[in-house]
Amino acid sequence: MLKKYNVDIDFGKNLNKVINSKAHFHEKDRYTSVLVCHLKMNDKLINITDCEVYADIMVNEGDYKTAICLETNIIDAEKGIVAFGLSEQLMSAGVKRFQVHINYKQQIIHSPMVEFNIFKGL
């Protein structure tokens, strides 16, 4: 049983704004939290065939922030649909932000920042 949230990410719009994905997870969720992202450029789906797609998320580790690469699964390359699984390492309560990157033959584009919430348990 998975908790899946669909998120539209447009690489051509709002590059300096944070997109609220409206996704909410619980900090005690384990191996069930998935963000299914529909990658677009100016409202048109991006064909990511032959592309490397990855996402980075910043996490606090004591006094330091560390970038962690999210697990990526391409669901439908022609329609630009990918799924990012959230590891146990990311499941501490708080607002999290990530950014998606598409690499095609060393040409790399970056999405706006996208945020989601992880709620604290008992």
Protein backbone atom coordinates (compact mmCIF):
# COMPACT_ATOMS: atom_id res chain seq x y z
CA MET A 1 0.00 0.00 0.00
CA LEU A 2 1.52 3.29 -1.12
CA LYS A 3 0.77 6.91 -0.36
CA LYS A 4 1.01 8.55 -3.77
CA TYR A 5 0.63 12.21 -4.61
CA ASN A 6 0.54 13.53 -8.17
CA VAL A 7 2.50 16.73 -8.74
CA ASP A 8 2.70 18.83 -11.91
CA ILE A 9 6.13 20.43 -12.29
CA ASP A 10 6.54 22.98 -15.07
CA PHE A 11 10.17 23.74 -15.95
CA GLY A 12 9.14 26.84 -17.89
CA LYS A 13 7.12 28.64 -15.22
CA ASN A 14 7.63 30.08 -11.74
CA LEU A 15 11.31 29.24 -11.62
CA ASN A 16 11.89 31.59 -8.69
CA LYS A 17 8.84 30.41 -6.70
CA VAL A 18 8.26 27.36 -4.53
CA ILE A 19 5.52 25.00 -5.73
CA ASN A 20 3.32 23.58 -2.97
CA SER A 21 2.71 19.97 -3.98
CA LYS A 22 -0.04 19.59 -1.33
CA ALA A 23 1.52 16.21 -0.48
CA HIS A 24 1.43 15.18 3.17
CA PHE A 25 3.16 12.21 4.72
CA HIS A 26 3.63 10.95 8.29
CA GLU A 27 7.10 10.69 9.81
CA LYS A 28 6.48 7.05 10.76
CA ASP A 29 5.62 6.06 7.18
CA ARG A 30 8.18 3.56 5.88
CA TYR A 31 8.76 2.66 2.23
CA THR A 32 5.27 3.86 1.25
CA SER A 33 5.68 7.55 0.39
CA VAL A 34 5.82 8.38 -3.32
CA LEU A 35 5.65 11.61 -5.33
CA VAL A 36 4.47 10.97 -8.91
CA CYS A 37 5.63 13.94 -10.98
CA HIS A 38 4.34 15.04 -14.37
CA LEU A 39 7.19 16.99 -15.95
CA LYS A 40 6.17 19.82 -18.26
CA MET A 41 7.61 22.74 -20.19
CA ASN A 42 5.16 25.63 -20.55
CA ASP A 43 2.13 23.34 -19.97
CA LYS A 44 3.31 20.65 -22.43
CA LEU A 45 4.51 17.25 -21.21
CA ILE A 46 8.25 16.69 -21.67
CA ASN A 47 9.38 13.53 -23.46
CA ILE A 48 12.22 12.28 -21.25
CA THR A 49 13.20 9.31 -23.42
CA ASP A 50 17.01 8.98 -23.36
CA CYS A 51 17.22 11.46 -20.46
CA GLU A 52 18.57 11.07 -16.97
CA VAL A 53 16.07 12.42 -14.44
CA TYR A 54 16.93 12.94 -10.80
CA ALA A 55 15.87 15.04 -7.83
CA ASP A 56 17.79 16.49 -4.90
CA ILE A 57 16.38 17.27 -1.49
CA MET A 58 18.11 19.19 1.28
CA VAL A 59 18.04 17.66 4.76
CA ASN A 60 19.38 18.96 8.05
CA GLU A 61 22.01 16.80 9.71
CA GLY A 62 22.98 18.58 12.91
CA ASP A 63 24.63 21.87 11.98
CA TYR A 64 24.91 20.91 8.31
CA LYS A 65 22.59 20.66 5.33
CA THR A 66 23.13 17.75 2.98
CA ALA A 67 21.71 17.15 -0.49
CA ILE A 68 20.25 13.68 -0.95
CA CYS A 69 19.30 12.27 -4.32
CA LEU A 70 15.76 10.85 -4.37
CA GLU A 71 15.15 7.36 -5.74
CA THR A 72 13.83 7.85 -9.30
CA ASN A 73 11.58 5.55 -11.32
CA ILE A 74 10.52 6.53 -14.83
CA ILE A 75 6.86 5.57 -15.20
CA ASP A 76 6.20 6.84 -18.75
CA ALA A 77 9.12 8.51 -20.53
CA GLU A 78 7.09 9.81 -23.49
CA LYS A 79 4.63 11.55 -21.16
CA GLY A 80 7.29 12.79 -18.73
CA ILE A 81 5.99 10.88 -15.70
CA VAL A 82 8.43 9.90 -12.97
CA ALA A 83 8.04 8.69 -9.41
CA PHE A 84 10.28 9.65 -6.52
CA GLY A 85 10.32 7.38 -3.48
CA LEU A 86 11.02 8.95 -0.09
CA SER A 87 13.55 7.03 1.95
CA GLU A 88 13.45 6.56 5.71
CA GLN A 89 16.29 9.08 5.99
CA LEU A 90 13.94 11.84 4.79
CA MET A 91 11.02 11.08 7.07
CA SER A 92 11.59 13.59 9.84
CA ALA A 93 8.77 16.05 10.53
CA GLY A 94 8.77 19.36 8.69
CA VAL A 95 8.43 21.02 5.32
CA LYS A 96 10.78 19.48 2.75
CA ARG A 97 11.86 21.01 -0.57
CA PHE A 98 13.25 19.29 -3.62
CA GLN A 99 14.27 20.15 -7.17
CA VAL A 100 14.08 17.97 -10.29
CA HIS A 101 16.82 17.91 -12.93
CA ILE A 102 16.67 16.56 -16.47
CA ASN A 103 19.94 15.73 -18.21
CA TYR A 104 19.92 15.12 -21.97
CA LYS A 105 23.36 14.71 -23.56
CA GLN A 106 24.93 17.06 -20.97
CA GLN A 107 22.18 19.67 -21.41
CA ILE A 108 20.63 20.04 -17.96
CA ILE A 109 17.45 21.88 -16.99
CA HIS A 110 16.24 22.46 -13.43
CA SER A 111 12.72 22.73 -12.08
CA PRO A 112 11.38 25.23 -9.58
CA MET A 113 11.60 24.10 -5.96
CA VAL A 114 8.73 21.84 -4.86
CA GLU A 115 7.68 21.37 -1.25
CA PHE A 116 5.76 18.76 0.72
CA ASN A 117 4.97 18.18 4.41
CA ILE A 118 5.88 15.42 6.78
CA PHE A 119 3.78 15.44 9.95
CA LYS A 120 5.08 14.53 13.39
CA GLY A 121 3.85 11.36 15.07
CA LEU A 122 3.18 10.65 18.72
